[in-house]
Amino acid sequence: MCLAVPLKIIEINGNDAVGARDGIRRPVRVDFIKDPKIGDYVMVHAGFAIERVDAEEALLSQQLAAEVEKEMAAIRAGGYL
């Protein structure tokens, strides 16, 4: 299964950018985003920004991902995985 994750663009140099989430920085290509700007939230899949999203949607997605990560850690700690 492949997922896209929301990242906030914090640097741009041509079509190369840096996106961040929770202090983690990732290189991102912004070829598919029209007029990307620092501060934009984008959904990133396989290193490419595939769409711009509003901040509310991005933050909700990040919260849901954090809940899933917490549950997966609890399952692993219980020896279920």
PDB file of N, CA and C in Angstrom:
ATOM      1  N   MET A   1       0.847  -1.160   0.000  1.00  0.00           N
ATOM      2  CA  MET A   1       0.000   0.000   0.000  1.00  0.00           C
ATOM      3  C   MET A   1       0.900   1.233   0.000  1.00  0.00           C
ATOM      4  N   CYS A   2       0.539   2.192  -0.801  1.00  0.00           N
ATOM      5  CA  CYS A   2       1.302   3.435  -0.892  1.00  0.00           C
ATOM      6  C   CYS A   2       0.458   4.576  -0.349  1.00  0.00           C
ATOM      7  N   LEU A   3       1.093   5.466   0.374  1.00  0.00           N
ATOM      8  CA  LEU A   3       0.401   6.607   0.950  1.00  0.00           C
ATOM      9  C   LEU A   3       1.098   7.896   0.572  1.00  0.00           C
ATOM     10  N   ALA A   4       0.309   8.941   0.459  1.00  0.00           N
ATOM     11  CA  ALA A   4       0.863  10.279   0.330  1.00  0.00           C
ATOM     12  C   ALA A   4       0.783  10.923   1.702  1.00  0.00           C
ATOM     13  N   VAL A   5       1.780  11.707   2.052  1.00  0.00           N
ATOM     14  CA  VAL A   5       1.801  12.367   3.357  1.00  0.00           C
ATOM     15  C   VAL A   5       1.858  13.885   3.166  1.00  0.00           C
ATOM     16  N   PRO A   6       1.190  14.617   4.048  1.00  0.00           N
ATOM     17  CA  PRO A   6       1.243  16.076   3.927  1.00  0.00           C
ATOM     18  C   PRO A   6       2.532  16.625   4.539  1.00  0.00           C
ATOM     19  N   LEU A   7       3.189  17.478   3.793  1.00  0.00           N
ATOM     20  CA  LEU A   7       4.378  18.164   4.285  1.00  0.00           C
ATOM     21  C   LEU A   7       4.222  19.659   4.018  1.00  0.00           C
ATOM     22  N   LYS A   8       4.834  20.459   4.857  1.00  0.00           N
ATOM     23  CA  LYS A   8       4.843  21.910   4.669  1.00  0.00           C
ATOM     24  C   LYS A   8       6.128  22.284   3.950  1.00  0.00           C
ATOM     25  N   ILE A   9       6.018  23.016   2.860  1.00  0.00           N
ATOM     26  CA  ILE A   9       7.200  23.438   2.116  1.00  0.00           C
ATOM     27  C   ILE A   9       7.933  24.511   2.916  1.00  0.00           C
ATOM     28  N   ILE A  10       9.226  24.252   3.179  1.00  0.00           N
ATOM     29  CA  ILE A  10      10.011  25.210   3.967  1.00  0.00           C
ATOM     30  C   ILE A  10      11.168  25.814   3.169  1.00  0.00           C
ATOM     31  N   GLU A  11      11.501  25.202   2.029  1.00  0.00           N
ATOM     32  CA  GLU A  11      12.536  25.731   1.145  1.00  0.00           C
ATOM     33  C   GLU A  11      12.162  25.391  -0.290  1.00  0.00           C
ATOM     34  N   ILE A  12      12.514  26.279  -1.221  1.00  0.00           N
ATOM     35  CA  ILE A  12      12.291  26.007  -2.645  1.00  0.00           C
ATOM     36  C   ILE A  12      13.495  26.504  -3.425  1.00  0.00           C
ATOM     37  N   ASN A  13      13.956  25.654  -4.346  1.00  0.00           N
ATOM     38  CA  ASN A  13      15.025  26.026  -5.264  1.00  0.00           C
ATOM     39  C   ASN A  13      14.667  25.421  -6.622  1.00  0.00           C
ATOM     40  N   GLY A  14      13.982  26.195  -7.454  1.00  0.00           N
ATOM     41  CA  GLY A  14      13.514  25.658  -8.730  1.00  0.00           C
ATOM     42  C   GLY A  14      12.426  24.629  -8.476  1.00  0.00           C
ATOM     43  N   ASN A  15      12.598  23.423  -9.031  1.00  0.00           N
ATOM     44  CA  ASN A  15      11.640  22.337  -8.800  1.00  0.00           C
ATOM     45  C   ASN A  15      12.025  21.455  -7.618  1.00  0.00           C
ATOM     46  N   ASP A  16      13.137  21.780  -6.964  1.00  0.00           N
ATOM     47  CA  ASP A  16      13.550  21.066  -5.758  1.00  0.00           C
ATOM     48  C   ASP A  16      13.076  21.865  -4.548  1.00  0.00           C
ATOM     49  N   ALA A  17      12.512  21.153  -3.597  1.00  0.00           N
ATOM     50  CA  ALA A  17      12.036  21.810  -2.381  1.00  0.00           C
ATOM     51  C   ALA A  17      12.366  20.924  -1.194  1.00  0.00           C
ATOM     52  N   VAL A  18      12.122  21.473  -0.018  1.00  0.00           N
ATOM     53  CA  VAL A  18      12.238  20.714   1.224  1.00  0.00           C
ATOM     54  C   VAL A  18      10.895  20.836   1.926  1.00  0.00           C
ATOM     55  N   GLY A  19      10.356  19.677   2.314  1.00  0.00           N
ATOM     56  CA  GLY A  19       9.121  19.652   3.077  1.00  0.00           C
ATOM     57  C   GLY A  19       9.410  19.158   4.471  1.00  0.00           C
ATOM     58  N   ALA A  20       8.582  19.575   5.431  1.00  0.00           N
ATOM     59  CA  ALA A  20       8.822  19.183   6.822  1.00  0.00           C
ATOM     60  C   ALA A  20       7.526  18.765   7.495  1.00  0.00           C
ATOM     61  N   ARG A  21       7.695  17.852   8.452  1.00  0.00           N
ATOM     62  CA  ARG A  21       6.607  17.430   9.340  1.00  0.00           C
ATOM     63  C   ARG A  21       7.251  16.978  10.643  1.00  0.00           C
ATOM     64  N   ASP A  22       6.791  17.503  11.740  1.00  0.00           N
ATOM     65  CA  ASP A  22       7.278  17.107  13.064  1.00  0.00           C
ATOM     66  C   ASP A  22       8.799  17.172  13.162  1.00  0.00           C
ATOM     67  N   GLY A  23       9.395  18.197  12.559  1.00  0.00           N
ATOM     68  CA  GLY A  23      10.837  18.375  12.637  1.00  0.00           C
ATOM     69  C   GLY A  23      11.641  17.532  11.671  1.00  0.00           C
ATOM     70  N   ILE A  24      10.977  16.681  10.907  1.00  0.00           N
ATOM     71  CA  ILE A  24      11.673  15.839   9.920  1.00  0.00           C
ATOM     72  C   ILE A  24      11.589  16.525   8.567  1.00  0.00           C
ATOM     73  N   ARG A  25      12.740  16.659   7.934  1.00  0.00           N
ATOM     74  CA  ARG A  25      12.824  17.331   6.638  1.00  0.00           C
ATOM     75  C   ARG A  25      13.023  16.291   5.537  1.00  0.00           C
ATOM     76  N   ARG A  26      12.331  16.496   4.417  1.00  0.00           N
ATOM     77  CA  ARG A  26      12.427  15.570   3.285  1.00  0.00           C
ATOM     78  C   ARG A  26      12.591  16.353   1.993  1.00  0.00           C
ATOM     79  N   PRO A  27      13.426  15.856   1.088  1.00  0.00           N
ATOM     80  CA  PRO A  27      13.487  16.486  -0.231  1.00  0.00           C
ATOM     81  C   PRO A  27      12.196  16.194  -0.992  1.00  0.00           C
ATOM     82  N   VAL A  28      11.709  17.189  -1.707  1.00  0.00           N
ATOM     83  CA  VAL A  28      10.447  17.064  -2.444  1.00  0.00           C
ATOM     84  C   VAL A  28      10.610  17.731  -3.803  1.00  0.00           C
ATOM     85  N   ARG A  29      10.134  17.070  -4.841  1.00  0.00           N
ATOM     86  CA  ARG A  29      10.058  17.683  -6.166  1.00  0.00           C
ATOM     87  C   ARG A  29       8.686  18.336  -6.288  1.00  0.00           C
ATOM     88  N   VAL A  30       8.648  19.547  -6.822  1.00  0.00           N
ATOM     89  CA  VAL A  30       7.386  20.280  -6.937  1.00  0.00           C
ATOM     90  C   VAL A  30       6.996  20.529  -8.393  1.00  0.00           C
ATOM     91  N   ASP A  31       7.449  19.655  -9.285  1.00  0.00           N
ATOM     92  CA  ASP A  31       7.168  19.788 -10.708  1.00  0.00           C
ATOM     93  C   ASP A  31       5.672  19.885 -11.025  1.00  0.00           C
ATOM     94  N   PHE A  32       4.851  19.183 -10.247  1.00  0.00           N
ATOM     95  CA  PHE A  32       3.420  19.085 -10.542  1.00  0.00           C
ATOM     96  C   PHE A  32       2.577  20.155  -9.847  1.00  0.00           C
ATOM     97  N   ILE A  33       3.208  21.022  -9.079  1.00  0.00           N
ATOM     98  CA  ILE A  33       2.490  22.051  -8.324  1.00  0.00           C
ATOM     99  C   ILE A  33       2.692  23.404  -9.017  1.00  0.00           C
ATOM    100  N   LYS A  34       1.578  24.027  -9.375  1.00  0.00           N
ATOM    101  CA  LYS A  34       1.656  25.340 -10.024  1.00  0.00           C
ATOM    102  C   LYS A  34       1.999  26.405  -8.990  1.00  0.00           C
ATOM    103  N   ASP A  35       3.064  27.129  -9.240  1.00  0.00           N
ATOM    104  CA  ASP A  35       3.501  28.245  -8.414  1.00  0.00           C
ATOM    105  C   ASP A  35       3.604  27.894  -6.923  1.00  0.00           C
ATOM    106  N   PRO A  36       4.448  26.898  -6.573  1.00  0.00           N
ATOM    107  CA  PRO A  36       4.592  26.541  -5.157  1.00  0.00           C
ATOM    108  C   PRO A  36       5.235  27.670  -4.361  1.00  0.00           C
ATOM    109  N   LYS A  37       4.813  27.784  -3.115  1.00  0.00           N
ATOM    110  CA  LYS A  37       5.338  28.831  -2.239  1.00  0.00           C
ATOM    111  C   LYS A  37       5.728  28.229  -0.891  1.00  0.00           C
ATOM    112  N   ILE A  38       6.718  28.843  -0.251  1.00  0.00           N
ATOM    113  CA  ILE A  38       7.086  28.454   1.111  1.00  0.00           C
ATOM    114  C   ILE A  38       5.856  28.656   1.999  1.00  0.00           C
ATOM    115  N   GLY A  39       5.581  27.638   2.814  1.00  0.00           N
ATOM    116  CA  GLY A  39       4.412  27.685   3.682  1.00  0.00           C
ATOM    117  C   GLY A  39       3.246  26.881   3.158  1.00  0.00           C
ATOM    118  N   ASP A  40       3.275  26.521   1.853  1.00  0.00           N
ATOM    119  CA  ASP A  40       2.226  25.670   1.293  1.00  0.00           C
ATOM    120  C   ASP A  40       2.303  24.277   1.894  1.00  0.00           C
ATOM    121  N   TYR A  41       1.159  23.662   2.071  1.00  0.00           N
ATOM    122  CA  TYR A  41       1.093  22.244   2.420  1.00  0.00           C
ATOM    123  C   TYR A  41       0.826  21.469   1.146  1.00  0.00           C
ATOM    124  N   VAL A  42       1.570  20.391   0.956  1.00  0.00           N
ATOM    125  CA  VAL A  42       1.397  19.546  -0.222  1.00  0.00           C
ATOM    126  C   VAL A  42       1.367  18.086   0.192  1.00  0.00           C
ATOM    127  N   MET A  43       0.623  17.299  -0.574  1.00  0.00           N
ATOM    128  CA  MET A  43       0.630  15.856  -0.373  1.00  0.00           C
ATOM    129  C   MET A  43       1.805  15.311  -1.170  1.00  0.00           C
ATOM    130  N   VAL A  44       2.659  14.519  -0.518  1.00  0.00           N
ATOM    131  CA  VAL A  44       3.884  14.019  -1.141  1.00  0.00           C
ATOM    132  C   VAL A  44       3.818  12.502  -1.237  1.00  0.00           C
ATOM    133  N   HIS A  45       4.074  12.005  -2.437  1.00  0.00           N
ATOM    134  CA  HIS A  45       4.125  10.566  -2.687  1.00  0.00           C
ATOM    135  C   HIS A  45       5.392  10.277  -3.476  1.00  0.00           C
ATOM    136  N   ALA A  46       6.197   9.362  -2.988  1.00  0.00           N
ATOM    137  CA  ALA A  46       7.439   8.955  -3.655  1.00  0.00           C
ATOM    138  C   ALA A  46       8.334  10.148  -3.976  1.00  0.00           C
ATOM    139  N   GLY A  47       8.347  11.131  -3.074  1.00  0.00           N
ATOM    140  CA  GLY A  47       9.231  12.278  -3.235  1.00  0.00           C
ATOM    141  C   GLY A  47       8.693  13.389  -4.117  1.00  0.00           C
ATOM    142  N   PHE A  48       7.467  13.226  -4.637  1.00  0.00           N
ATOM    143  CA  PHE A  48       6.864  14.241  -5.502  1.00  0.00           C
ATOM    144  C   PHE A  48       5.630  14.831  -4.828  1.00  0.00           C
ATOM    145  N   ALA A  49       5.537  16.159  -4.828  1.00  0.00           N
ATOM    146  CA  ALA A  49       4.318  16.820  -4.381  1.00  0.00           C
ATOM    147  C   ALA A  49       3.275  16.600  -5.472  1.00  0.00           C
ATOM    148  N   ILE A  50       2.148  15.979  -5.095  1.00  0.00           N
ATOM    149  CA  ILE A  50       1.148  15.642  -6.112  1.00  0.00           C
ATOM    150  C   ILE A  50      -0.079  16.548  -6.059  1.00  0.00           C
ATOM    151  N   GLU A  51      -0.276  17.257  -4.954  1.00  0.00           N
ATOM    152  CA  GLU A  51      -1.345  18.242  -4.892  1.00  0.00           C
ATOM    153  C   GLU A  51      -1.144  19.158  -3.707  1.00  0.00           C
ATOM    154  N   ARG A  52      -1.662  20.360  -3.827  1.00  0.00           N
ATOM    155  CA  ARG A  52      -1.633  21.326  -2.729  1.00  0.00           C
ATOM    156  C   ARG A  52      -2.885  21.064  -1.881  1.00  0.00           C
ATOM    157  N   VAL A  53      -2.751  21.159  -0.559  1.00  0.00           N
ATOM    158  CA  VAL A  53      -3.885  21.009   0.344  1.00  0.00           C
ATOM    159  C   VAL A  53      -3.899  22.179   1.318  1.00  0.00           C
ATOM    160  N   ASP A  54      -5.088  22.468   1.855  1.00  0.00           N
ATOM    161  CA  ASP A  54      -5.129  23.572   2.817  1.00  0.00           C
ATOM    162  C   ASP A  54      -4.570  23.100   4.163  1.00  0.00           C
ATOM    163  N   ALA A  55      -4.216  24.055   4.982  1.00  0.00           N
ATOM    164  CA  ALA A  55      -3.547  23.747   6.252  1.00  0.00           C
ATOM    165  C   ALA A  55      -4.429  22.890   7.155  1.00  0.00           C
ATOM    166  N   GLU A  56      -5.724  23.154   7.192  1.00  0.00           N
ATOM    167  CA  GLU A  56      -6.623  22.383   8.053  1.00  0.00           C
ATOM    168  C   GLU A  56      -6.634  20.910   7.660  1.00  0.00           C
ATOM    169  N   GLU A  57      -6.733  20.637   6.356  1.00  0.00           N
ATOM    170  CA  GLU A  57      -6.721  19.249   5.876  1.00  0.00           C
ATOM    171  C   GLU A  57      -5.386  18.573   6.181  1.00  0.00           C
ATOM    172  N   ALA A  58      -4.285  19.302   5.975  1.00  0.00           N
ATOM    173  CA  ALA A  58      -2.958  18.742   6.235  1.00  0.00           C
ATOM    174  C   ALA A  58      -2.791  18.400   7.711  1.00  0.00           C
ATOM    175  N   LEU A  59      -3.213  19.296   8.595  1.00  0.00           N
ATOM    176  CA  LEU A  59      -3.063  19.058  10.029  1.00  0.00           C
ATOM    177  C   LEU A  59      -3.956  17.913  10.498  1.00  0.00           C
ATOM    178  N   LEU A  60      -5.165  17.801   9.949  1.00  0.00           N
ATOM    179  CA  LEU A  60      -6.036  16.686  10.296  1.00  0.00           C
ATOM    180  C   LEU A  60      -5.399  15.367   9.860  1.00  0.00           C
ATOM    181  N   SER A  61      -4.857  15.339   8.662  1.00  0.00           N
ATOM    182  CA  SER A  61      -4.186  14.134   8.160  1.00  0.00           C
ATOM    183  C   SER A  61      -3.006  13.762   9.047  1.00  0.00           C
ATOM    184  N   GLN A  62      -2.240  14.746   9.491  1.00  0.00           N
ATOM    185  CA  GLN A  62      -1.108  14.488  10.367  1.00  0.00           C
ATOM    186  C   GLN A  62      -1.569  13.944  11.721  1.00  0.00           C
ATOM    187  N   GLN A  63      -2.663  14.461  12.250  1.00  0.00           N
ATOM    188  CA  GLN A  63      -3.194  13.972  13.528  1.00  0.00           C
ATOM    189  C   GLN A  63      -3.649  12.517  13.397  1.00  0.00           C
ATOM    190  N   LEU A  64      -4.342  12.210  12.301  1.00  0.00           N
ATOM    191  CA  LEU A  64      -4.803  10.842  12.090  1.00  0.00           C
ATOM    192  C   LEU A  64      -3.628   9.881  11.943  1.00  0.00           C
ATOM    193  N   ALA A  65      -2.593  10.309  11.223  1.00  0.00           N
ATOM    194  CA  ALA A  65      -1.404   9.467  11.068  1.00  0.00           C
ATOM    195  C   ALA A  65      -0.740   9.226  12.424  1.00  0.00           C
ATOM    196  N   ALA A  66      -0.705  10.243  13.260  1.00  0.00           N
ATOM    197  CA  ALA A  66      -0.106  10.093  14.593  1.00  0.00           C
ATOM    198  C   ALA A  66      -0.896   9.086  15.436  1.00  0.00           C
ATOM    199  N   GLU A  67      -2.223   9.100  15.313  1.00  0.00           N
ATOM    200  CA  GLU A  67      -3.049   8.131  16.040  1.00  0.00           C
ATOM    201  C   GLU A  67      -2.762   6.704  15.570  1.00  0.00           C
ATOM    202  N   VAL A  68      -2.649   6.527  14.258  1.00  0.00           N
ATOM    203  CA  VAL A  68      -2.342   5.202  13.708  1.00  0.00           C
ATOM    204  C   VAL A  68      -0.971   4.738  14.188  1.00  0.00           C
ATOM    205  N   GLU A  69       0.021   5.635  14.144  1.00  0.00           N
ATOM    206  CA  GLU A  69       1.368   5.290  14.600  1.00  0.00           C
ATOM    207  C   GLU A  69       1.355   4.878  16.078  1.00  0.00           C
ATOM    208  N   LYS A  70       0.580   5.574  16.903  1.00  0.00           N
ATOM    209  CA  LYS A  70       0.489   5.260  18.330  1.00  0.00           C
ATOM    210  C   LYS A  70      -0.118   3.870  18.526  1.00  0.00           C
ATOM    211  N   GLU A  71      -1.186   3.578  17.800  1.00  0.00           N
ATOM    212  CA  GLU A  71      -1.832   2.268  17.922  1.00  0.00           C
ATOM    213  C   GLU A  71      -0.912   1.149  17.434  1.00  0.00           C
ATOM    214  N   MET A  72      -0.192   1.395  16.344  1.00  0.00           N
ATOM    215  CA  MET A  72       0.729   0.378  15.829  1.00  0.00           C
ATOM    216  C   MET A  72       1.841   0.108  16.842  1.00  0.00           C
ATOM    217  N   ALA A  73       2.337   1.149  17.499  1.00  0.00           N
ATOM    218  CA  ALA A  73       3.369   0.962  18.529  1.00  0.00           C
ATOM    219  C   ALA A  73       2.819   0.137  19.691  1.00  0.00           C
ATOM    220  N   ALA A  74       1.577   0.392  20.066  1.00  0.00           N
ATOM    221  CA  ALA A  74       0.967  -0.363  21.167  1.00  0.00           C
ATOM    222  C   ALA A  74       0.808  -1.837  20.770  1.00  0.00           C
ATOM    223  N   ILE A  75       0.412  -2.087  19.542  1.00  0.00           N
ATOM    224  CA  ILE A  75       0.256  -3.462  19.065  1.00  0.00           C
ATOM    225  C   ILE A  75       1.601  -4.175  19.072  1.00  0.00           C
ATOM    226  N   ARG A  76       2.635  -3.495  18.562  1.00  0.00           N
ATOM    227  CA  ARG A  76       3.974  -4.102  18.539  1.00  0.00           C
ATOM    228  C   ARG A  76       4.458  -4.397  19.964  1.00  0.00           C
ATOM    229  N   ALA A  77       4.220  -3.483  20.866  1.00  0.00           N
ATOM    230  CA  ALA A  77       4.654  -3.660  22.253  1.00  0.00           C
ATOM    231  C   ALA A  77       3.932  -4.851  22.904  1.00  0.00           C
ATOM    232  N   GLY A  78       2.718  -5.114  22.454  1.00  0.00           N
ATOM    233  CA  GLY A  78       1.961  -6.227  22.993  1.00  0.00           C
ATOM    234  C   GLY A  78       2.272  -7.543  22.319  1.00  0.00           C
ATOM    235  N   GLY A  79       3.169  -7.516  21.335  1.00  0.00           N
ATOM    236  CA  GLY A  79       3.585  -8.741  20.660  1.00  0.00           C
ATOM    237  C   GLY A  79       2.631  -9.241  19.592  1.00  0.00           C
ATOM    238  N   TYR A  80       1.732  -8.363  19.122  1.00  0.00           N
ATOM    239  CA  TYR A  80       0.757  -8.791  18.130  1.00  0.00           C
ATOM    240  C   TYR A  80       1.311  -8.754  16.700  1.00  0.00           C
ATOM    241  N   LEU A  81       2.351  -7.990  16.478  1.00  0.00           N
ATOM    242  CA  LEU A  81       2.956  -7.919  15.137  1.00  0.00           C
ATOM    243  C   LEU A  81       4.378  -8.400  15.166  1.00  0.00           C
TER     244      LEU A  81
END
